[in-house]
Amino acid sequence: MANKPAENQNQGFIDELMGFDPTQVAAFNEPEQKSNQNQNLYKTNPLKVDKSVAPDGHYHAKVRIIYNPYDMKMSIVNNAHYAMNDADGFFMVDSRLAFGDRNCFMFKAWKKLHFDESTDKFTVDGKPYTKKEWGDHMFDKSEERFCLVQVIEDANQPDKVGKFLGWRLPKAIYDVLQAKMHPTDKTKAPQDLMNYLFGPILELDVTPGPEDPAAPERKQREIKYTLCAFESDPTPILSVTGEDFFNDDERDMISDYAAAKKVLTDTKASAKKKDEAMAKCKELVEPLKKLMQKAMDYVKENAINIVDEFGYHEPNDALRARTEKWIDIVVNKLQNPQTYVEETEEKKSEGQGTEASTKKSAKKAEAAPAVEMPENPTDDLPF
């Protein structure tokens, strides 16, 4: 009788096992790891498109580039950062070069090697380098620009339609924005391409780089945005669901104002037409100011602040210490931070033979019963 409870438990285990659903094995149901990708960043990589959506292999979509509602002057955000590897893996640190501060500690460290004129060579990981070559090899700096977009159409990522997202602004598009919004020819009027009410759609046609068996990385590295173009008609922002944000009357006002402005800039329009257009514009100014405020408030409620998200971030104490250790190994010791192992005082003594070891033992015996401090206090730092 004493064994019956155990027998019952065993039988219960067998019954459970025999009726066990094999899909419930814990190892098959580990929680999915969260992506490290920034969910607020809109990506338009043609190498990720579905061929059924884009048979030509290009990334096709339509977006509106719009002002940053938190600070319209900061609607294009510059960022510069250095990518590094050490014994603990990959990490990055932002650089103050993003806003022209050449006192950036990373930049000053790079300069120390880059402008070294010595032709003497040293070897790291079996390869010879001058100091300049070593610095240029190790310091990996990237510079990027970011802006805010609303996705208007995207068959590749339909869940993004209507969303306000940060976008890594390609140089080809930046150059077009600069030419139209800040023309060097002062006889040309600036175009307000980021306006919430009157800005045009940017039609994306992003092409992959060339197929090159000798250098397959070119397909990713040489992605081009040269086929992208701004449409001519003004398109007000949408709601975040991808539906019209403004009602019919409001959209009519926006269209009427845009049409009147077009007449005013038409050199072939008659004086009468221009007078009528000017009167229309004046009539609509106050109602449109309210629509503009309505749009700005809505964007602010639903969009990130791209300065906070993608702008310069001062490194915290731990990151600063890790970066300075990387600089010390690369610039002062001329070693690879991924493989460099710092010598401790004890290891140095071991390398000096029995006599050094004996002297060190005697020194320990004479010392007070306290923890021995290293000769150089910095050797005892945890970083």
Protein backbone atom coordinates (compact mmCIF):
# COMPACT_ATOMS: atom_id res chain seq x y z
CA MET A 1 0.00 0.00 0.00
CA ALA A 2 2.94 2.28 0.73
CA ASN A 3 4.00 2.17 -2.92
CA LYS A 4 0.55 2.95 -4.33
CA PRO A 5 0.85 6.74 -4.33
CA ALA A 6 4.15 6.43 -6.21
CA GLU A 7 2.58 3.95 -8.66
CA ASN A 8 -0.34 6.33 -9.23
CA GLN A 9 2.06 9.21 -9.82
CA ASN A 10 4.08 7.10 -12.24
CA GLN A 11 0.95 6.01 -14.10
CA GLY A 12 -0.19 9.60 -14.29
CA PHE A 13 3.17 10.55 -15.75
CA ILE A 14 2.93 7.78 -18.37
CA ASP A 15 -0.62 8.77 -19.31
CA GLU A 16 0.50 12.38 -19.67
CA LEU A 17 3.55 11.38 -21.67
CA MET A 18 1.63 9.09 -24.03
CA GLY A 19 -0.86 11.86 -24.72
CA PHE A 20 1.79 14.57 -24.98
CA ASP A 21 1.63 17.07 -27.80
CA PRO A 22 5.14 17.05 -29.34
CA THR A 23 4.82 20.67 -30.43
CA GLN A 24 4.86 21.64 -26.75
CA VAL A 25 8.51 20.66 -26.20
CA ALA A 26 9.92 23.70 -24.43
CA ALA A 27 12.97 23.99 -26.69
CA PHE A 28 10.65 24.41 -29.67
CA ASN A 29 8.75 27.19 -27.98
CA GLU A 30 11.42 29.55 -26.76
CA PRO A 31 10.26 33.18 -26.89
CA GLU A 32 11.34 34.96 -30.03
CA GLN A 33 14.21 37.34 -29.51
CA LYS A 34 13.26 40.96 -29.98
CA SER A 35 14.76 42.62 -33.02
CA ASN A 36 17.51 45.15 -32.35
CA GLN A 37 16.29 47.20 -35.29
CA ASN A 38 14.83 50.60 -34.55
CA GLN A 39 11.08 50.30 -35.11
CA ASN A 40 10.88 54.07 -35.68
CA LEU A 41 13.20 53.87 -38.70
CA TYR A 42 11.68 53.37 -42.16
CA LYS A 43 13.87 51.13 -44.33
CA THR A 44 13.65 51.01 -48.13
CA ASN A 45 16.16 48.31 -49.02
CA PRO A 46 15.55 46.85 -52.51
CA LEU A 47 17.34 43.64 -51.50
CA LYS A 48 14.47 42.93 -49.08
CA VAL A 49 11.59 43.25 -51.56
CA ASP A 50 9.26 40.40 -52.43
CA LYS A 51 9.55 39.58 -56.15
CA SER A 52 5.77 39.11 -56.28
CA VAL A 53 5.40 42.73 -55.15
CA ALA A 54 8.27 44.17 -57.21
CA PRO A 55 9.27 41.90 -60.13
CA ASP A 56 11.94 44.39 -61.19
CA GLY A 57 13.70 44.03 -57.82
CA HIS A 58 13.34 47.76 -57.06
CA TYR A 59 11.85 49.20 -53.88
CA HIS A 60 8.73 51.14 -54.89
CA ALA A 61 6.82 53.31 -52.43
CA LYS A 62 5.41 56.80 -51.95
CA VAL A 63 6.25 59.01 -48.97
CA ARG A 64 5.85 62.59 -47.79
CA ILE A 65 8.95 64.22 -46.30
CA ILE A 66 7.64 66.57 -43.61
CA TYR A 67 8.88 69.04 -41.02
CA ASN A 68 9.87 68.00 -37.53
CA PRO A 69 6.93 69.41 -35.51
CA TYR A 70 9.08 69.72 -32.38
CA ASP A 71 11.61 72.00 -34.08
CA MET A 72 11.05 72.82 -37.74
CA LYS A 73 14.60 74.17 -38.14
CA MET A 74 15.85 70.72 -37.15
CA SER A 75 13.88 68.83 -39.80
CA ILE A 76 17.06 67.27 -41.16
CA VAL A 77 19.27 65.83 -38.43
CA ASN A 78 22.96 65.11 -38.89
CA ASN A 79 24.65 62.29 -37.03
CA ALA A 80 28.21 61.00 -37.03
CA HIS A 81 29.40 57.94 -35.17
CA TYR A 82 32.32 55.57 -34.87
CA ALA A 83 31.90 51.79 -35.03
CA MET A 84 34.32 49.73 -32.94
CA ASN A 85 35.06 46.21 -31.77
CA ASP A 86 36.82 45.10 -28.63
CA ALA A 87 37.11 41.90 -26.61
CA ASP A 88 33.47 42.28 -25.56
CA GLY A 89 32.14 42.71 -29.10
CA PHE A 90 30.75 45.48 -31.30
CA PHE A 91 29.78 48.94 -30.05
CA MET A 92 29.27 52.46 -31.38
CA VAL A 93 29.73 55.96 -30.05
CA ASP A 94 28.32 59.22 -31.43
CA SER A 95 30.70 61.95 -32.49
CA ARG A 96 30.36 65.68 -31.89
CA LEU A 97 31.50 66.11 -35.47
CA ALA A 98 27.79 65.79 -36.26
CA PHE A 99 27.48 69.49 -35.48
CA GLY A 100 30.99 70.58 -36.45
CA ASP A 101 32.71 70.29 -33.05
CA ARG A 102 36.27 69.26 -33.94
CA ASN A 103 37.09 68.83 -30.25
CA CYS A 104 35.41 65.42 -30.38
CA PHE A 105 37.69 63.08 -28.42
CA MET A 106 37.38 60.35 -31.07
CA PHE A 107 38.29 62.75 -33.86
CA LYS A 108 41.34 63.99 -31.94
CA ALA A 109 42.49 60.40 -31.38
CA TRP A 110 42.11 59.63 -35.09
CA LYS A 111 44.08 62.78 -36.01
CA LYS A 112 47.00 61.63 -33.86
CA LEU A 113 47.50 58.62 -36.14
CA HIS A 114 46.21 60.00 -39.44
CA PHE A 115 48.64 62.91 -39.53
CA ASP A 116 51.64 60.91 -38.31
CA GLU A 117 54.29 61.17 -41.06
CA SER A 118 56.45 58.27 -39.91
CA THR A 119 57.07 55.55 -42.51
CA ASP A 120 58.16 53.02 -39.87
CA LYS A 121 56.04 49.86 -39.93
CA PHE A 122 54.79 47.65 -37.13
CA THR A 123 52.84 44.40 -37.31
CA VAL A 124 49.35 43.70 -35.99
CA ASP A 125 47.68 40.34 -36.61
CA GLY A 126 50.38 39.47 -39.14
CA LYS A 127 49.94 42.62 -41.26
CA PRO A 128 52.36 45.57 -41.48
CA TYR A 129 51.09 49.13 -40.94
CA THR A 130 52.40 52.66 -40.62
CA LYS A 131 50.63 54.66 -37.91
CA LYS A 132 48.60 56.49 -40.53
CA GLU A 133 47.57 53.22 -42.21
CA TRP A 134 46.68 51.71 -38.83
CA GLY A 135 44.55 54.68 -37.82
CA ASP A 136 42.68 54.74 -41.12
CA HIS A 137 42.12 50.98 -40.82
CA MET A 138 40.76 51.05 -37.28
CA PHE A 139 38.70 54.27 -37.11
CA ASP A 140 35.40 53.50 -38.86
CA LYS A 141 33.40 56.75 -39.01
CA SER A 142 29.98 57.09 -40.64
CA GLU A 143 27.93 60.22 -41.22
CA GLU A 144 24.19 60.16 -41.85
CA ARG A 145 21.21 62.46 -42.18
CA PHE A 146 17.71 61.70 -40.95
CA CYS A 147 14.32 63.24 -41.67
CA LEU A 148 10.68 62.54 -40.84
CA VAL A 149 8.43 60.91 -43.44
CA GLN A 150 4.84 59.77 -43.64
CA VAL A 151 4.39 56.59 -45.66
CA ILE A 152 1.67 57.13 -48.27
CA GLU A 153 1.90 53.86 -50.23
CA ASP A 154 4.07 50.79 -49.69
CA ALA A 155 3.12 47.32 -50.93
CA ASN A 156 6.33 45.93 -49.39
CA GLN A 157 5.39 47.08 -45.88
CA PRO A 158 1.65 47.78 -45.92
CA ASP A 159 1.61 48.02 -42.12
CA LYS A 160 3.72 51.19 -42.39
CA VAL A 161 1.18 53.14 -44.49
CA GLY A 162 0.08 56.28 -42.64
CA LYS A 163 2.86 55.99 -40.06
CA PHE A 164 5.24 58.86 -39.28
CA LEU A 165 8.76 57.42 -39.20
CA GLY A 166 12.36 58.48 -39.29
CA TRP A 167 14.13 57.87 -42.60
CA ARG A 168 17.83 57.77 -43.37
CA LEU A 169 17.95 60.55 -45.96
CA PRO A 170 19.94 59.50 -49.07
CA LYS A 171 22.38 62.07 -50.43
CA ALA A 172 20.61 62.10 -53.83
CA ILE A 173 17.34 63.15 -52.17
CA TYR A 174 19.08 65.59 -49.81
CA ASP A 175 20.67 67.30 -52.81
CA VAL A 176 17.24 67.73 -54.46
CA LEU A 177 15.74 69.12 -51.25
CA GLN A 178 18.60 71.57 -50.85
CA ALA A 179 18.42 72.72 -54.48
CA LYS A 180 14.66 73.34 -54.31
CA MET A 181 14.27 74.58 -50.73
CA HIS A 182 17.49 76.60 -50.57
CA PRO A 183 18.39 77.50 -54.17
CA THR A 184 21.74 79.12 -54.82
CA ASP A 185 20.11 81.10 -57.62
CA LYS A 186 18.47 83.92 -55.66
CA THR A 187 16.10 84.66 -58.54
CA LYS A 188 14.36 81.35 -57.84
CA ALA A 189 11.76 81.16 -55.06
CA PRO A 190 12.33 78.44 -52.43
CA GLN A 191 9.86 75.55 -52.65
CA ASP A 192 8.25 74.37 -49.43
CA LEU A 193 8.58 70.63 -50.04
CA MET A 194 8.08 69.63 -46.38
CA ASN A 195 4.87 71.58 -45.82
CA TYR A 196 2.15 69.51 -44.09
CA LEU A 197 -0.55 70.82 -46.45
CA PHE A 198 1.18 71.57 -49.73
CA GLY A 199 4.27 69.38 -49.93
CA PRO A 200 4.52 66.89 -52.81
CA ILE A 201 4.79 63.13 -52.67
CA LEU A 202 8.24 61.62 -53.17
CA GLU A 203 7.93 58.57 -55.40
CA LEU A 204 10.58 56.05 -54.42
CA ASP A 205 12.25 53.82 -56.99
CA VAL A 206 15.26 52.43 -55.15
CA THR A 207 17.59 50.27 -57.22
CA PRO A 208 20.09 47.68 -55.98
CA GLY A 209 23.76 47.89 -56.82
CA PRO A 210 25.28 45.84 -59.65
CA GLU A 211 25.67 42.08 -59.63
CA ASP A 212 29.42 41.56 -59.31
CA PRO A 213 30.64 38.02 -58.49
CA ALA A 214 34.07 39.42 -57.67
CA ALA A 215 32.60 41.90 -55.19
CA PRO A 216 29.08 40.77 -54.15
CA GLU A 217 28.93 43.46 -51.46
CA ARG A 218 28.47 46.08 -54.20
CA LYS A 219 24.82 45.04 -54.55
CA GLN A 220 24.13 46.39 -51.05
CA ARG A 221 26.80 49.07 -50.89
CA GLU A 222 25.86 50.78 -54.17
CA ILE A 223 22.08 51.05 -53.74
CA LYS A 224 20.88 54.09 -55.69
CA TYR A 225 18.06 56.62 -55.27
CA THR A 226 18.61 58.46 -58.55
CA LEU A 227 15.29 57.28 -60.05
CA CYS A 228 13.27 58.75 -57.18
CA ALA A 229 11.31 61.91 -58.00
CA PHE A 230 8.95 64.43 -56.43
CA GLU A 231 5.48 64.65 -57.91
CA SER A 232 4.16 68.08 -58.87
CA ASP A 233 0.81 68.14 -57.07
CA PRO A 234 0.51 69.09 -53.38
CA THR A 235 -0.58 66.27 -51.10
CA PRO A 236 -1.63 66.97 -47.51
CA ILE A 237 -0.78 64.50 -44.77
CA LEU A 238 -2.99 61.48 -44.14
CA SER A 239 -4.25 60.02 -40.88
CA VAL A 240 -2.09 57.29 -39.35
CA THR A 241 -4.58 54.72 -40.67
CA GLY A 242 -3.75 55.80 -44.23
CA GLU A 243 -7.11 57.53 -44.73
CA ASP A 244 -7.78 61.21 -45.43
CA PHE A 245 -7.00 63.39 -42.43
CA PHE A 246 -8.81 66.47 -43.76
CA ASN A 247 -12.49 66.49 -44.74
CA ASP A 248 -13.77 67.41 -48.23
CA ASP A 249 -14.15 71.13 -47.51
CA GLU A 250 -10.68 71.35 -46.00
CA ARG A 251 -9.12 69.54 -48.94
CA ASP A 252 -10.93 71.89 -51.33
CA MET A 253 -9.44 74.89 -49.52
CA ILE A 254 -5.97 73.39 -49.80
CA SER A 255 -6.45 72.70 -53.52
CA ASP A 256 -7.87 76.20 -54.18
CA TYR A 257 -4.97 77.89 -52.45
CA ALA A 258 -2.41 75.76 -54.31
CA ALA A 259 -4.10 76.57 -57.63
CA ALA A 260 -4.12 80.30 -56.85
CA LYS A 261 -0.42 80.25 -55.90
CA LYS A 262 0.33 78.53 -59.18
CA VAL A 263 -1.36 81.37 -61.10
CA LEU A 264 0.70 83.94 -59.22
CA THR A 265 3.94 82.31 -60.36
CA ASP A 266 2.76 81.81 -63.95
CA THR A 267 4.49 84.40 -66.16
CA LYS A 268 1.87 83.90 -68.87
CA ALA A 269 -1.14 84.60 -66.61
CA SER A 270 -3.03 87.83 -67.25
CA ALA A 271 -3.12 90.67 -64.72
CA LYS A 272 -6.79 89.99 -64.10
CA LYS A 273 -6.12 86.31 -63.36
CA LYS A 274 -3.32 87.25 -60.98
CA ASP A 275 -5.53 89.75 -59.15
CA GLU A 276 -8.20 87.08 -58.71
CA ALA A 277 -5.59 84.60 -57.50
CA MET A 278 -4.19 87.10 -55.01
CA ALA A 279 -7.67 87.78 -53.66
CA LYS A 280 -8.27 84.03 -53.28
CA CYS A 281 -5.02 83.53 -51.40
CA LYS A 282 -5.83 86.35 -48.98
CA GLU A 283 -9.29 84.92 -48.41
CA LEU A 284 -7.89 81.52 -47.49
CA VAL A 285 -4.91 82.55 -45.36
CA GLU A 286 -6.65 82.54 -41.96
CA PRO A 287 -8.58 79.26 -42.47
CA LEU A 288 -5.41 77.59 -43.74
CA LYS A 289 -3.46 78.73 -40.68
CA LYS A 290 -5.92 76.73 -38.57
CA LEU A 291 -5.49 73.69 -40.81
CA MET A 292 -1.72 74.03 -40.55
CA GLN A 293 -1.92 74.10 -36.76
CA LYS A 294 -4.29 71.12 -36.82
CA ALA A 295 -1.81 69.17 -38.96
CA MET A 296 1.18 70.12 -36.82
CA ASP A 297 -0.58 69.07 -33.62
CA TYR A 298 -1.56 65.76 -35.17
CA VAL A 299 1.96 65.00 -36.37
CA LYS A 300 3.36 65.87 -32.95
CA GLU A 301 0.88 63.50 -31.30
CA ASN A 302 1.83 60.63 -33.59
CA ALA A 303 5.48 61.14 -34.53
CA ILE A 304 8.82 60.79 -32.81
CA ASN A 305 11.16 63.71 -32.25
CA ILE A 306 13.89 62.87 -34.78
CA VAL A 307 16.44 64.97 -32.88
CA ASP A 308 15.97 62.87 -29.74
CA GLU A 309 15.81 59.62 -31.70
CA PHE A 310 18.59 60.03 -34.27
CA GLY A 311 20.64 63.03 -33.17
CA TYR A 312 23.83 63.17 -31.11
CA HIS A 313 23.82 61.39 -27.75
CA GLU A 314 26.55 62.04 -25.21
CA PRO A 315 28.14 58.72 -24.15
CA ASN A 316 27.40 57.64 -20.59
CA ASP A 317 30.25 56.94 -18.17
CA ALA A 318 30.50 53.23 -19.02
CA LEU A 319 30.54 53.83 -22.78
CA ARG A 320 33.03 56.67 -22.43
CA ALA A 321 35.36 54.45 -20.37
CA ARG A 322 35.06 51.59 -22.85
CA THR A 323 35.81 53.93 -25.76
CA GLU A 324 38.81 55.50 -24.03
CA LYS A 325 40.22 52.04 -23.33
CA TRP A 326 39.76 51.21 -27.03
CA ILE A 327 41.61 54.43 -27.95
CA ASP A 328 44.45 53.61 -25.56
CA ILE A 329 44.94 50.16 -27.09
CA VAL A 330 44.68 51.38 -30.69
CA VAL A 331 46.50 54.72 -30.51
CA ASN A 332 49.04 54.28 -27.69
CA LYS A 333 49.70 50.55 -27.69
CA LEU A 334 49.12 50.04 -31.46
CA GLN A 335 47.32 46.76 -30.80
CA ASN A 336 44.03 45.14 -31.83
CA PRO A 337 41.43 45.69 -29.05
CA GLN A 338 39.69 42.42 -29.94
CA THR A 339 42.74 40.32 -29.10
CA TYR A 340 44.81 42.51 -26.82
CA VAL A 341 45.30 41.14 -23.29
CA GLU A 342 46.66 43.65 -20.81
CA GLU A 343 49.66 42.48 -18.77
CA THR A 344 49.16 42.60 -15.02
CA GLU A 345 51.99 43.44 -12.62
CA GLU A 346 52.08 39.81 -11.51
CA LYS A 347 52.54 38.54 -15.07
CA LYS A 348 55.34 41.05 -15.65
CA SER A 349 57.10 39.77 -12.54
CA GLU A 350 56.68 36.15 -13.64
CA GLY A 351 58.45 37.04 -16.85
CA GLN A 352 61.50 38.34 -14.92
CA GLY A 353 62.51 34.94 -13.53
CA THR A 354 63.03 33.34 -10.12
CA GLU A 355 64.90 36.29 -8.65
CA ALA A 356 62.01 38.66 -9.29
CA SER A 357 59.59 36.11 -7.89
CA THR A 358 61.67 35.71 -4.72
CA LYS A 359 61.91 39.46 -4.24
CA LYS A 360 58.17 39.84 -4.67
CA SER A 361 57.49 37.08 -2.10
CA ALA A 362 59.81 38.76 0.38
CA LYS A 363 58.13 42.09 -0.20
CA LYS A 364 54.73 40.51 0.50
CA ALA A 365 56.02 38.95 3.72
CA GLU A 366 57.34 42.30 4.98
CA ALA A 367 54.12 44.13 4.13
CA ALA A 368 51.36 44.75 6.66
CA PRO A 369 48.47 42.27 6.55
CA ALA A 370 46.48 44.41 4.14
CA VAL A 371 45.57 44.04 0.50
CA GLU A 372 48.59 44.88 -1.66
CA MET A 373 48.03 47.89 -3.92
CA PRO A 374 49.46 47.76 -7.44
CA GLU A 375 52.39 50.04 -8.20
CA ASN A 376 50.29 51.87 -10.79
CA PRO A 377 46.78 52.53 -9.41
CA THR A 378 45.30 52.67 -12.89
CA ASP A 379 46.12 48.96 -13.35
CA ASP A 380 43.44 48.19 -10.81
CA LEU A 381 40.61 49.94 -12.67
CA PRO A 382 37.76 47.68 -13.79
CA PHE A 383 37.92 48.97 -17.36
